[in-house]
C-alpha atoms as a PDB file:
ATOM      1  CA  MET A   1      45.649  82.271 109.520  1.00  0.00           C
ATOM      2  CA  LYS A   2      42.172  81.563 107.807  1.00  0.00           C
ATOM      3  CA  LYS A   3      39.650  79.012 108.874  1.00  0.00           C
ATOM      4  CA  SER A   4      40.478  77.044 105.260  1.00  0.00           C
ATOM      5  CA  ASP A   5      44.657  77.125 105.821  1.00  0.00           C
ATOM      6  CA  LEU A   6      43.981  75.800 109.746  1.00  0.00           C
ATOM      7  CA  LEU A   7      42.310  72.704 108.563  1.00  0.00           C
ATOM      8  CA  ILE A   8      45.114  72.014 106.198  1.00  0.00           C
ATOM      9  CA  ALA A   9      47.379  72.679 108.966  1.00  0.00           C
ATOM     10  CA  ASP A  10      45.634  70.295 110.960  1.00  0.00           C
ATOM     11  CA  LYS A  11      46.060  67.485 108.518  1.00  0.00           C
ATOM     12  CA  PHE A  12      49.716  68.491 108.560  1.00  0.00           C
ATOM     13  CA  ILE A  13      50.194  68.751 111.918  1.00  0.00           C
ATOM     14  CA  ALA A  14      48.470  64.997 112.008  1.00  0.00           C
ATOM     15  CA  ASN A  15      50.931  63.581 109.723  1.00  0.00           C
ATOM     16  CA  GLN A  16      53.997  65.536 111.659  1.00  0.00           C
ATOM     17  CA  LEU A  17      52.867  63.249 114.741  1.00  0.00           C
ATOM     18  CA  ALA A  18      52.671  60.512 111.941  1.00  0.00           C
ATOM     19  CA  LEU A  19      56.303  61.275 110.680  1.00  0.00           C
ATOM     20  CA  GLN A  20      57.476  60.966 114.386  1.00  0.00           C
ATOM     21  CA  ARG A  21      56.369  57.742 115.023  1.00  0.00           C
ATOM     22  CA  PHE A  22      57.403  56.580 111.850  1.00  0.00           C
ATOM     23  CA  THR A  23      61.165  58.462 112.803  1.00  0.00           C
ATOM     24  CA  ALA A  24      60.915  56.476 116.239  1.00  0.00           C
ATOM     25  CA  ASN A  25      60.712  53.617 114.213  1.00  0.00           C
ATOM     26  CA  GLU A  26      63.612  54.306 112.526  1.00  0.00           C
ATOM     27  CA  LYS A  27      65.426  54.966 115.448  1.00  0.00           C
ATOM     28  CA  LYS A  28      64.816  51.145 116.491  1.00  0.00           C
ATOM     29  CA  GLU A  29      66.500  50.332 113.908  1.00  0.00           C
ATOM     30  CA  ALA A  30      69.858  52.579 113.845  1.00  0.00           C
ATOM     31  CA  PHE A  31      69.699  51.601 117.512  1.00  0.00           C
ATOM     32  CA  LYS A  32      69.645  48.216 116.468  1.00  0.00           C
ATOM     33  CA  MET A  33      72.608  48.771 114.159  1.00  0.00           C
ATOM     34  CA  LEU A  34      74.813  50.552 116.811  1.00  0.00           C
ATOM     35  CA  LEU A  35      74.163  47.369 118.918  1.00  0.00           C
ATOM     36  CA  ALA A  36      75.733  45.395 116.314  1.00  0.00           C
ATOM     37  CA  MET A  37      78.508  47.493 115.783  1.00  0.00           C
ATOM     38  CA  GLN A  38      79.016  47.416 119.316  1.00  0.00           C
ATOM     39  CA  THR A  39      79.068  44.058 119.407  1.00  0.00           C
ATOM     40  CA  GLU A  40      81.741  43.694 116.790  1.00  0.00           C
ATOM     41  CA  LEU A  41      83.842  46.088 117.773  1.00  0.00           C
ATOM     42  CA  LYS A  42      83.913  44.275 121.671  1.00  0.00           C
ATOM     43  CA  ALA A  43      84.434  40.995 119.680  1.00  0.00           C
ATOM     44  CA  LYS A  44      87.441  42.648 117.510  1.00  0.00           C
ATOM     45  CA  LEU A  45      89.058  43.794 120.833  1.00  0.00           C
ATOM     46  CA  ALA A  46      88.707  40.770 122.408  1.00  0.00           C
ATOM     47  CA  ASN A  47      90.572  38.724 119.753  1.00  0.00           C
ATOM     48  CA  GLY A  48      93.097  41.228 118.610  1.00  0.00           C
ATOM     49  CA  PHE A  49      93.756  43.475 121.453  1.00  0.00           C
ATOM     50  CA  THR A  50      97.808  43.909 121.878  1.00  0.00           C
ATOM     51  CA  PRO A  51      99.018  46.414 124.117  1.00  0.00           C
ATOM     52  CA  HIS A  52     102.274  45.564 124.501  1.00  0.00           C
ATOM     53  CA  GLU A  53     102.811  45.206 120.620  1.00  0.00           C
ATOM     54  CA  LYS A  54     101.651  49.297 118.997  1.00  0.00           C
ATOM     55  CA  LYS A  55     102.297  48.374 115.827  1.00  0.00           C
ATOM     56  CA  ARG A  56      99.332  45.085 116.164  1.00  0.00           C
ATOM     57  CA  LEU A  57      96.888  47.866 118.450  1.00  0.00           C
ATOM     58  CA  GLU A  58      97.363  50.376 115.580  1.00  0.00           C
ATOM     59  CA  LYS A  59      96.510  47.737 112.998  1.00  0.00           C
ATOM     60  CA  LEU A  60      93.336  46.751 115.138  1.00  0.00           C
ATOM     61  CA  LEU A  61      91.982  50.210 115.724  1.00  0.00           C
ATOM     62  CA  THR A  62      92.361  50.899 111.811  1.00  0.00           C
ATOM     63  CA  GLN A  63      90.393  47.606 111.202  1.00  0.00           C
ATOM     64  CA  CYS A  64      87.790  49.058 114.012  1.00  0.00           C
ATOM     65  CA  THR A  65      87.487  52.497 112.115  1.00  0.00           C
ATOM     66  CA  GLU A  66      86.685  50.350 109.225  1.00  0.00           C
ATOM     67  CA  ILE A  67      83.952  48.502 110.862  1.00  0.00           C
ATOM     68  CA  ILE A  68      82.580  51.959 112.238  1.00  0.00           C
ATOM     69  CA  ARG A  69      82.529  53.441 108.992  1.00  0.00           C
ATOM     70  CA  SER A  70      80.550  50.858 107.231  1.00  0.00           C
ATOM     71  CA  PHE A  71      77.744  50.561 110.231  1.00  0.00           C
ATOM     72  CA  TYR A  72      77.320  54.571 109.877  1.00  0.00           C
ATOM     73  CA  SER A  73      76.960  53.359 105.974  1.00  0.00           C
ATOM     74  CA  GLY A  74      74.495  50.959 106.872  1.00  0.00           C
ATOM     75  CA  ILE A  75      72.433  53.332 109.491  1.00  0.00           C
ATOM     76  CA  GLN A  76      72.248  56.125 106.519  1.00  0.00           C
ATOM     77  CA  THR A  77      70.992  54.022 103.727  1.00  0.00           C
ATOM     78  CA  GLN A  78      68.512  52.273 105.809  1.00  0.00           C
ATOM     79  CA  ILE A  79      65.777  54.854 105.180  1.00  0.00           C
ATOM     80  CA  ASP A  80      64.288  55.151 101.779  1.00  0.00           C
ATOM     81  CA  PHE A  81      64.243  59.171 101.321  1.00  0.00           C
ATOM     82  CA  VAL A  82      63.022  58.937  97.796  1.00  0.00           C
ATOM     83  CA  GLU A  83      59.460  56.527  99.393  1.00  0.00           C
ATOM     84  CA  LEU A  84      59.447  58.985 102.244  1.00  0.00           C
ATOM     85  CA  ALA A  85      59.511  62.234  99.784  1.00  0.00           C
ATOM     86  CA  LYS A  86      56.747  60.681  97.699  1.00  0.00           C
ATOM     87  CA  TYR A  87      54.512  59.730 100.911  1.00  0.00           C
ATOM     88  CA  GLU A  88      55.069  63.369 102.164  1.00  0.00           C
ATOM     89  CA  ALA A  89      53.945  64.820  98.965  1.00  0.00           C
ATOM     90  CA  GLU A  90      50.891  62.715  98.550  1.00  0.00           C
ATOM     91  CA  ALA A  91      49.919  63.511 102.061  1.00  0.00           C
ATOM     92  CA  SER A  92      50.210  67.006 101.243  1.00  0.00           C
ATOM     93  CA  THR A  93      48.270  66.865  98.147  1.00  0.00           C
ATOM     94  CA  LYS A  94      45.505  65.020 100.275  1.00  0.00           C
ATOM     95  CA  ALA A  95      45.583  68.323 103.167  1.00  0.00           C
ATOM     96  CA  ILE A  96      44.986  70.375 100.568  1.00  0.00           C
ATOM     97  CA  ALA A  97      42.170  68.502  99.495  1.00  0.00           C
ATOM     98  CA  THR A  98      40.026  68.705 102.792  1.00  0.00           C
ATOM     99  CA  ILE A  99      39.126  72.490 101.369  1.00  0.00           C
ATOM    100  CA  GLY A 100      37.684  71.139  98.016  1.00  0.00           C
ATOM    101  CA  LEU A 101      40.887  71.903  96.033  1.00  0.00           C
ATOM    102  CA  ASP A 102      42.885  69.559  93.499  1.00  0.00           C
ATOM    103  CA  ALA A 103      46.555  69.864  93.974  1.00  0.00           C
ATOM    104  CA  ALA A 104      49.404  67.976  91.892  1.00  0.00           C
ATOM    105  CA  ILE A 105      52.060  65.941  93.102  1.00  0.00           C
ATOM    106  CA  PRO A 106      55.109  66.498  92.153  1.00  0.00           C
ATOM    107  CA  THR A 107      56.841  64.052  89.436  1.00  0.00           C
ATOM    108  CA  ALA A 108      59.300  61.360  90.740  1.00  0.00           C
ATOM    109  CA  SER A 109      62.311  62.935  89.227  1.00  0.00           C
ATOM    110  CA  VAL A 110      61.440  66.213  91.062  1.00  0.00           C
ATOM    111  CA  LEU A 111      61.420  64.472  94.183  1.00  0.00           C
ATOM    112  CA  LYS A 112      64.671  62.642  93.650  1.00  0.00           C
ATOM    113  CA  ALA A 113      66.559  65.158  92.772  1.00  0.00           C
ATOM    114  CA  MET A 114      64.937  67.107  95.493  1.00  0.00           C
ATOM    115  CA  VAL A 115      66.130  64.026  98.016  1.00  0.00           C
ATOM    116  CA  SER A 116      69.713  64.448  96.225  1.00  0.00           C
ATOM    117  CA  ASP A 117      70.052  67.789  96.795  1.00  0.00           C
ATOM    118  CA  THR A 118      68.676  67.906 100.030  1.00  0.00           C
ATOM    119  CA  LEU A 119      70.854  70.270 103.039  1.00  0.00           C
ATOM    120  CA  LEU A 120      70.551  69.928 106.780  1.00  0.00           C
ATOM    121  CA  GLN A 121      71.992  73.038 108.610  1.00  0.00           C
ATOM    122  CA  GLY A 122      74.091  74.032 105.057  1.00  0.00           C
ATOM    123  CA  ALA A 123      75.791  70.339 104.462  1.00  0.00           C
ATOM    124  CA  PRO A 124      74.711  67.559 102.652  1.00  0.00           C
ATOM    125  CA  LEU A 125      73.057  64.300 104.842  1.00  0.00           C
ATOM    126  CA  SER A 126      75.797  62.113 103.513  1.00  0.00           C
ATOM    127  CA  ALA A 127      78.313  64.605 105.174  1.00  0.00           C
ATOM    128  CA  TRP A 128      76.439  64.557 108.755  1.00  0.00           C
ATOM    129  CA  TRP A 129      76.876  60.710 108.835  1.00  0.00           C
ATOM    130  CA  ALA A 130      80.521  60.871 107.398  1.00  0.00           C
ATOM    131  CA  LYS A 131      81.048  63.001 110.582  1.00  0.00           C
ATOM    132  CA  GLN A 132      78.894  61.238 112.884  1.00  0.00           C
ATOM    133  CA  ALA A 133      81.520  57.902 111.945  1.00  0.00           C
ATOM    134  CA  GLU A 134      84.288  59.717 112.216  1.00  0.00           C
ATOM    135  CA  ASP A 135      83.494  61.538 114.994  1.00  0.00           C
ATOM    136  CA  THR A 136      82.430  58.111 116.901  1.00  0.00           C
ATOM    137  CA  ALA A 137      86.088  56.050 115.487  1.00  0.00           C
ATOM    138  CA  PHE A 138      88.234  59.127 116.970  1.00  0.00           C
ATOM    139  CA  LYS A 139      86.482  58.640 120.425  1.00  0.00           C
ATOM    140  CA  PHE A 140      86.477  54.608 120.179  1.00  0.00           C
ATOM    141  CA  THR A 141      90.369  55.001 119.225  1.00  0.00           C
ATOM    142  CA  SER A 142      90.865  57.845 121.862  1.00  0.00           C
ATOM    143  CA  GLN A 143      89.639  55.702 124.713  1.00  0.00           C
ATOM    144  CA  VAL A 144      91.166  52.379 123.292  1.00  0.00           C
ATOM    145  CA  ARG A 145      95.022  54.151 123.330  1.00  0.00           C
ATOM    146  CA  GLN A 146      93.884  55.781 126.792  1.00  0.00           C
ATOM    147  CA  GLY A 147      93.175  52.961 128.385  1.00  0.00           C
ATOM    148  CA  VAL A 148      96.126  51.040 127.206  1.00  0.00           C
ATOM    149  CA  ALA A 149      98.510  53.866 128.081  1.00  0.00           C
ATOM    150  CA  GLN A 150      97.180  53.203 131.581  1.00  0.00           C
ATOM    151  CA  GLY A 151      97.694  49.685 131.894  1.00  0.00           C
ATOM    152  CA  GLU A 152      93.651  48.662 132.171  1.00  0.00           C
ATOM    153  CA  THR A 153      92.686  45.458 131.295  1.00  0.00           C
ATOM    154  CA  LEU A 154      90.448  44.577 128.573  1.00  0.00           C
ATOM    155  CA  GLN A 155      87.381  45.014 130.221  1.00  0.00           C
ATOM    156  CA  GLN A 156      87.579  47.947 131.547  1.00  0.00           C
ATOM    157  CA  ILE A 157      88.625  49.453 128.002  1.00  0.00           C
ATOM    158  CA  ILE A 158      85.335  47.742 126.954  1.00  0.00           C
ATOM    159  CA  THR A 159      83.542  49.725 129.818  1.00  0.00           C
ATOM    160  CA  ARG A 160      85.092  53.396 128.517  1.00  0.00           C
ATOM    161  CA  ILE A 161      83.122  52.162 124.945  1.00  0.00           C
ATOM    162  CA  VAL A 162      79.449  50.437 125.810  1.00  0.00           C
ATOM    163  CA  GLY A 163      79.536  51.759 129.675  1.00  0.00           C
ATOM    164  CA  SER A 164      78.720  50.478 133.228  1.00  0.00           C
ATOM    165  CA  THR A 165      75.418  51.778 134.471  1.00  0.00           C
ATOM    166  CA  LYS A 166      76.334  50.250 138.002  1.00  0.00           C
ATOM    167  CA  LYS A 167      79.564  52.014 137.939  1.00  0.00           C
ATOM    168  CA  GLY A 168      78.080  55.239 136.045  1.00  0.00           C
ATOM    169  CA  ILE A 169      79.987  55.325 133.307  1.00  0.00           C
ATOM    170  CA  PRO A 170      78.067  56.125 130.271  1.00  0.00           C
ATOM    171  CA  GLY A 171      80.571  54.820 127.921  1.00  0.00           C
ATOM    172  CA  ILE A 172      81.385  56.449 124.177  1.00  0.00           C
ATOM    173  CA  MET A 173      78.426  54.630 122.780  1.00  0.00           C
ATOM    174  CA  GLU A 174      75.468  56.950 124.348  1.00  0.00           C
ATOM    175  CA  VAL A 175      76.985  60.024 122.890  1.00  0.00           C
ATOM    176  CA  SER A 176      76.701  57.839 119.933  1.00  0.00           C
ATOM    177  CA  ARG A 177      73.251  56.920 120.285  1.00  0.00           C
ATOM    178  CA  ARG A 178      72.066  60.005 121.201  1.00  0.00           C
ATOM    179  CA  ASN A 179      73.663  61.794 118.048  1.00  0.00           C
ATOM    180  CA  THR A 180      72.376  58.985 115.933  1.00  0.00           C
ATOM    181  CA  SER A 181      68.995  59.439 117.029  1.00  0.00           C
ATOM    182  CA  THR A 182      68.729  63.523 116.979  1.00  0.00           C
ATOM    183  CA  LEU A 183      70.150  62.876 113.251  1.00  0.00           C
ATOM    184  CA  VAL A 184      67.484  60.106 112.263  1.00  0.00           C
ATOM    185  CA  HIS A 185      65.097  62.547 113.258  1.00  0.00           C
ATOM    186  CA  ASP A 186      66.252  65.759 111.166  1.00  0.00           C
ATOM    187  CA  SER A 187      67.131  63.523 108.667  1.00  0.00           C
ATOM    188  CA  ILE A 188      63.548  62.569 108.038  1.00  0.00           C
ATOM    189  CA  MET A 189      61.955  65.746 108.859  1.00  0.00           C
ATOM    190  CA  GLN A 190      64.314  67.982 106.223  1.00  0.00           C
ATOM    191  CA  ILE A 191      63.405  65.489 103.299  1.00  0.00           C
ATOM    192  CA  ALA A 192      60.121  65.721 104.577  1.00  0.00           C
ATOM    193  CA  ASN A 193      60.000  69.345 104.327  1.00  0.00           C
ATOM    194  CA  GLY A 194      61.663  69.577 100.846  1.00  0.00           C
ATOM    195  CA  SER A 195      58.811  67.133  99.697  1.00  0.00           C
ATOM    196  CA  ARG A 196      56.140  69.782 100.976  1.00  0.00           C
ATOM    197  CA  MET A 197      57.726  72.397  99.115  1.00  0.00           C
ATOM    198  CA  ALA A 198      58.300  70.768  96.418  1.00  0.00           C
ATOM    199  CA  THR A 199      54.266  70.740  96.293  1.00  0.00           C
ATOM    200  CA  PHE A 200      53.667  73.569  97.129  1.00  0.00           C
ATOM    201  CA  GLN A 201      55.797  74.711  94.508  1.00  0.00           C
ATOM    202  CA  ASP A 202      53.893  72.667  92.127  1.00  0.00           C
ATOM    203  CA  ASN A 203      50.841  74.009  92.776  1.00  0.00           C
ATOM    204  CA  ASP A 204      51.526  77.845  93.031  1.00  0.00           C
ATOM    205  CA  ASP A 205      47.846  78.466  91.462  1.00  0.00           C
ATOM    206  CA  ILE A 206      46.323  77.613  94.534  1.00  0.00           C
ATOM    207  CA  ILE A 207      49.449  78.259  96.680  1.00  0.00           C
ATOM    208  CA  LYS A 208      50.736  81.682  97.796  1.00  0.00           C
ATOM    209  CA  GLY A 209      52.559  80.951 100.157  1.00  0.00           C
ATOM    210  CA  MET A 210      53.694  79.601 103.601  1.00  0.00           C
ATOM    211  CA  GLN A 211      54.006  79.896 107.112  1.00  0.00           C
ATOM    212  CA  GLN A 212      55.903  78.408 109.863  1.00  0.00           C
ATOM    213  CA  LEU A 213      53.560  77.089 112.691  1.00  0.00           C
ATOM    214  CA  SER A 214      55.978  76.309 116.099  1.00  0.00           C
ATOM    215  CA  THR A 215      54.247  74.311 119.024  1.00  0.00           C
ATOM    216  CA  LEU A 216      52.791  76.824 122.036  1.00  0.00           C
ATOM    217  CA  ASP A 217      54.265  75.169 124.469  1.00  0.00           C
ATOM    218  CA  SER A 218      57.414  75.810 127.122  1.00  0.00           C
ATOM    219  CA  HIS A 219      60.085  73.320 125.398  1.00  0.00           C
ATOM    220  CA  THR A 220      59.468  75.678 121.794  1.00  0.00           C
ATOM    221  CA  SER A 221      63.399  76.680 121.465  1.00  0.00           C
ATOM    222  CA  ALA A 222      64.308  80.793 120.793  1.00  0.00           C
ATOM    223  CA  VAL A 223      65.020  80.395 117.517  1.00  0.00           C
ATOM    224  CA  CYS A 224      61.439  78.459 117.153  1.00  0.00           C
ATOM    225  CA  VAL A 225      59.865  81.153 119.106  1.00  0.00           C
ATOM    226  CA  ALA A 226      61.276  84.341 117.012  1.00  0.00           C
ATOM    227  CA  TYR A 227      60.180  82.472 113.705  1.00  0.00           C
ATOM    228  CA  SER A 228      56.598  81.293 115.371  1.00  0.00           C
ATOM    229  CA  GLY A 229      53.752  82.652 112.292  1.00  0.00           C
ATOM    230  CA  ALA A 230      56.359  83.859 110.490  1.00  0.00           C
ATOM    231  CA  GLN A 231      55.254  83.989 106.495  1.00  0.00           C
ATOM    232  CA  TRP A 232      57.354  83.864 102.805  1.00  0.00           C
ATOM    233  CA  THR A 233      56.235  83.788  99.757  1.00  0.00           C
ATOM    234  CA  LEU A 234      57.216  80.054  97.449  1.00  0.00           C
ATOM    235  CA  GLU A 235      60.261  81.877  96.675  1.00  0.00           C
ATOM    236  CA  GLY A 236      61.365  81.655 100.383  1.00  0.00           C
ATOM    237  CA  LYS A 237      61.066  85.584 100.099  1.00  0.00           C
ATOM    238  CA  PRO A 238      59.505  87.295 103.092  1.00  0.00           C
ATOM    239  CA  MET A 239      55.792  88.404 103.620  1.00  0.00           C
ATOM    240  CA  GLY A 240      52.823  89.048 105.875  1.00  0.00           C
ATOM    241  CA  GLY A 241      55.510  91.720 108.033  1.00  0.00           C
ATOM    242  CA  ASN A 242      57.567  89.206 108.381  1.00  0.00           C
ATOM    243  CA  THR A 243      61.226  89.903 108.314  1.00  0.00           C
ATOM    244  CA  LEU A 244      62.986  86.677 109.230  1.00  0.00           C
ATOM    245  CA  PRO A 245      64.750  84.767 106.220  1.00  0.00           C
ATOM    246  CA  TYR A 246      63.320  81.069 105.371  1.00  0.00           C
ATOM    247  CA  ASN A 247      66.650  79.062 105.347  1.00  0.00           C
ATOM    248  CA  GLY A 248      65.434  76.165 104.569  1.00  0.00           C
ATOM    249  CA  GLY A 249      62.582  75.586 106.827  1.00  0.00           C
ATOM    250  CA  CYS A 250      62.193  73.208 109.270  1.00  0.00           C
ATOM    251  CA  PRO A 251      64.152  71.501 111.063  1.00  0.00           C
ATOM    252  CA  ARG A 252      66.014  74.847 112.274  1.00  0.00           C
ATOM    253  CA  HIS A 253      67.312  73.053 114.709  1.00  0.00           C
ATOM    254  CA  PRO A 254      68.114  69.681 116.509  1.00  0.00           C
ATOM    255  CA  ASN A 255      65.144  67.800 117.099  1.00  0.00           C
ATOM    256  CA  CYS A 256      62.939  70.452 115.770  1.00  0.00           C
ATOM    257  CA  ARG A 257      58.980  70.064 116.553  1.00  0.00           C
ATOM    258  CA  SER A 258      58.603  73.087 114.358  1.00  0.00           C
ATOM    259  CA  VAL A 259      56.333  72.655 111.004  1.00  0.00           C
ATOM    260  CA  ILE A 260      56.029  74.989 107.677  1.00  0.00           C
ATOM    261  CA  VAL A 261      52.384  74.714 106.462  1.00  0.00           C
ATOM    262  CA  PRO A 262      51.031  76.201 103.086  1.00  0.00           C
ATOM    263  CA  LEU A 263      48.768  79.531 102.751  1.00  0.00           C
ATOM    264  CA  THR A 264      46.268  79.035 100.442  1.00  0.00           C
ATOM    265  CA  LYS A 265      44.964  82.158  97.980  1.00  0.00           C
ATOM    266  CA  SER A 266      41.729  83.339  99.204  1.00  0.00           C
ATOM    267  CA  TYR A 267      38.503  82.056  97.464  1.00  0.00           C
ATOM    268  CA  ARG A 268      38.278  85.348  95.820  1.00  0.00           C
ATOM    269  CA  GLU A 269      41.554  84.946  94.211  1.00  0.00           C
ATOM    270  CA  LEU A 270      40.894  81.388  92.975  1.00  0.00           C
ATOM    271  CA  GLY A 271      38.373  83.259  91.182  1.00  0.00           C
ATOM    272  CA  ILE A 272      35.387  81.954  93.752  1.00  0.00           C
ATOM    273  CA  ASP A 273      32.521  84.866  94.753  1.00  0.00           C
ATOM    274  CA  ILE A 274      32.440  83.734  98.607  1.00  0.00           C
ATOM    275  CA  ASP A 275      33.589  84.783 101.488  1.00  0.00           C
ATOM    276  CA  GLU A 276      36.194  82.438 103.693  1.00  0.00           C
ATOM    277  CA  MET A 277      35.133  80.769 106.587  1.00  0.00           C
ATOM    278  CA  LYS A 278      35.428  82.296 110.048  1.00  0.00           C
ATOM    279  CA  PRO A 279      38.923  81.850 112.186  1.00  0.00           C
ATOM    280  CA  GLY A 280      39.163  78.639 113.941  1.00  0.00           C
ATOM    281  CA  THR A 281      41.651  77.454 116.686  1.00  0.00           C
ATOM    282  CA  ARG A 282      44.792  75.513 117.326  1.00  0.00           C
ATOM    283  CA  SER A 283      46.230  73.341 120.218  1.00  0.00           C
ATOM    284  CA  SER A 284      48.636  74.814 122.877  1.00  0.00           C
ATOM    285  CA  ASP A 285      49.417  74.289 126.402  1.00  0.00           C
ATOM    286  CA  LEU A 286      46.860  76.101 127.745  1.00  0.00           C
ATOM    287  CA  GLY A 287      44.417  73.862 125.522  1.00  0.00           C
ATOM    288  CA  GLN A 288      42.562  75.516 122.237  1.00  0.00           C
ATOM    289  CA  VAL A 289      43.334  79.358 121.212  1.00  0.00           C
ATOM    290  CA  PRO A 290      42.907  81.411 118.208  1.00  0.00           C
ATOM    291  CA  SER A 291      44.170  80.029 115.285  1.00  0.00           C
ATOM    292  CA  ASP A 292      45.830  83.483 114.692  1.00  0.00           C
ATOM    293  CA  MET A 293      47.240  83.793 118.275  1.00  0.00           C
ATOM    294  CA  SER A 294      50.846  84.807 117.724  1.00  0.00           C
ATOM    295  CA  PHE A 295      53.598  83.652 120.419  1.00  0.00           C
ATOM    296  CA  LYS A 296      53.898  87.548 122.371  1.00  0.00           C
ATOM    297  CA  GLU A 297      49.754  87.118 122.614  1.00  0.00           C
ATOM    298  CA  PHE A 298      50.521  83.222 123.810  1.00  0.00           C
ATOM    299  CA  LEU A 299      53.131  84.451 126.379  1.00  0.00           C
ATOM    300  CA  LYS A 300      51.058  87.136 127.818  1.00  0.00           C
ATOM    301  CA  ARG A 301      48.464  84.621 129.216  1.00  0.00           C
ATOM    302  CA  HIS A 302      51.673  82.806 131.376  1.00  0.00           C
ATOM    303  CA  ASP A 303      53.227  84.151 134.428  1.00  0.00           C
ATOM    304  CA  ASP A 304      56.804  85.286 134.648  1.00  0.00           C
ATOM    305  CA  GLU A 305      58.369  81.805 135.773  1.00  0.00           C
ATOM    306  CA  TYR A 306      57.076  80.059 132.877  1.00  0.00           C
ATOM    307  CA  MET A 307      58.690  82.666 130.460  1.00  0.00           C
ATOM    308  CA  ASP A 308      61.710  82.932 132.903  1.00  0.00           C
ATOM    309  CA  ASN A 309      61.951  78.841 132.124  1.00  0.00           C
ATOM    310  CA  LEU A 310      61.437  79.110 128.351  1.00  0.00           C
ATOM    311  CA  LEU A 311      63.567  82.375 127.482  1.00  0.00           C
ATOM    312  CA  GLY A 312      65.815  82.566 130.515  1.00  0.00           C
ATOM    313  CA  LYS A 313      65.809  84.883 132.959  1.00  0.00           C
ATOM    314  CA  GLY A 314      68.079  87.192 131.583  1.00  0.00           C
ATOM    315  CA  ARG A 315      66.580  86.966 128.167  1.00  0.00           C
ATOM    316  CA  ALA A 316      63.131  87.482 129.542  1.00  0.00           C
ATOM    317  CA  GLU A 317      63.511  90.445 132.102  1.00  0.00           C
ATOM    318  CA  LEU A 318      65.036  92.207 128.249  1.00  0.00           C
ATOM    319  CA  TYR A 319      61.724  90.991 126.684  1.00  0.00           C
ATOM    320  CA  ARG A 320      59.376  92.126 129.604  1.00  0.00           C
ATOM    321  CA  SER A 321      61.232  95.691 130.006  1.00  0.00           C
ATOM    322  CA  GLY A 322      60.233  96.279 126.142  1.00  0.00           C
ATOM    323  CA  LYS A 323      63.943  96.436 125.420  1.00  0.00           C
ATOM    324  CA  ILE A 324      63.771  93.596 122.573  1.00  0.00           C
ATOM    325  CA  THR A 325      60.845  91.879 120.901  1.00  0.00           C
ATOM    326  CA  LEU A 326      60.703  87.936 120.378  1.00  0.00           C
ATOM    327  CA  LYS A 327      62.456  88.412 117.178  1.00  0.00           C
ATOM    328  CA  ASP A 328      65.431  89.963 118.541  1.00  0.00           C
ATOM    329  CA  LEU A 329      65.927  86.631 120.100  1.00  0.00           C
ATOM    330  CA  ILE A 330      67.594  85.292 116.952  1.00  0.00           C
ATOM    331  CA  ASP A 331      69.949  88.102 114.419  1.00  0.00           C
ATOM    332  CA  GLY A 332      69.031  89.030 110.832  1.00  0.00           C
ATOM    333  CA  ASN A 333      70.339  85.477 109.600  1.00  0.00           C
ATOM    334  CA  GLY A 334      67.889  83.287 111.875  1.00  0.00           C
ATOM    335  CA  ARG A 335      70.754  82.277 114.354  1.00  0.00           C
ATOM    336  CA  GLU A 336      70.131  82.217 118.007  1.00  0.00           C
ATOM    337  CA  LEU A 337      72.086  85.262 119.912  1.00  0.00           C
ATOM    338  CA  THR A 338      73.835  85.061 123.159  1.00  0.00           C
ATOM    339  CA  LEU A 339      72.475  87.021 126.404  1.00  0.00           C
ATOM    340  CA  ALA A 340      75.708  89.414 125.523  1.00  0.00           C
ATOM    341  CA  GLN A 341      74.767  90.316 122.434  1.00  0.00           C
ATOM    342  CA  LEU A 342      71.221  90.935 123.371  1.00  0.00           C
ATOM    343  CA  LYS A 343      71.875  93.109 126.385  1.00  0.00           C
ATOM    344  CA  GLU A 344      74.572  95.046 123.542  1.00  0.00           C
ATOM    345  CA  ALA A 345      71.994  95.414 121.130  1.00  0.00           C
ATOM    346  CA  ALA A 346      69.010  96.324 123.275  1.00  0.00           C
END
């Protein structure tokens, strides 16, 4: 990565951190709604709990299911994704301006269409929220029915729902809370990535491609280790020696921390007869390292224990023995491989 692109990438990374703070706030708002839903469900059970009348119990559970669907619909719509897309497009053009290049902002209609068409791991965002609602409703009704079948009191059944720290019972709402946290994060990051992509494509006179920057630390997933440094054209075709598919970019998995950044044309490609700036550095858990450091070079600076913790001992042994490369950690479609599949391929 040339220094001018690194300067832009620094701005994208700084903006990614700002998005993380924004995401944290949106999670708080979503958790408030989940708490309100939990309160309403408890009240509904308390007012209509009739374990000896099956017909009334089923009617009560149907009402509770509607409450759950309503609250999840509210959580989904609390984030103004169109405004988020506009913000991210503006932030992208400002980042590009740090090296003296003027970039155009996609029109509002383009960004609105992008938001409507956005997929998260192959499915519309609305489908993911609907699935969350159905999963929570299924677990809720199952726990109530199980409690009734075992002759539990109302309080015992409510504990199944909300949990008890004293008794070490997590409750189904804790699972819903974690899933909601992940979905809020990934929805925001997917919209941000789509907005960036639209901005890159709108400025193909100065941008020639994209590159994935994966965080250089021990928490990076095997998928993002394999994708680290991968480059694509603005049409999503692999370039620069990369063979991995773009597959929609980041996030590549739940709670993904990687980011897609632009690759600008060289000064001479832009018609400016000057040399490029010297390469810079980027941050890692080793401190500042060369901006073009690959994950392979990064791992060389760590011991076997670090590699075992990052890749898993079996994968790390295959890698150290030269039987697989980092790109072999995933298949040709960008999906992570099991250890058994890796051994078979090796």
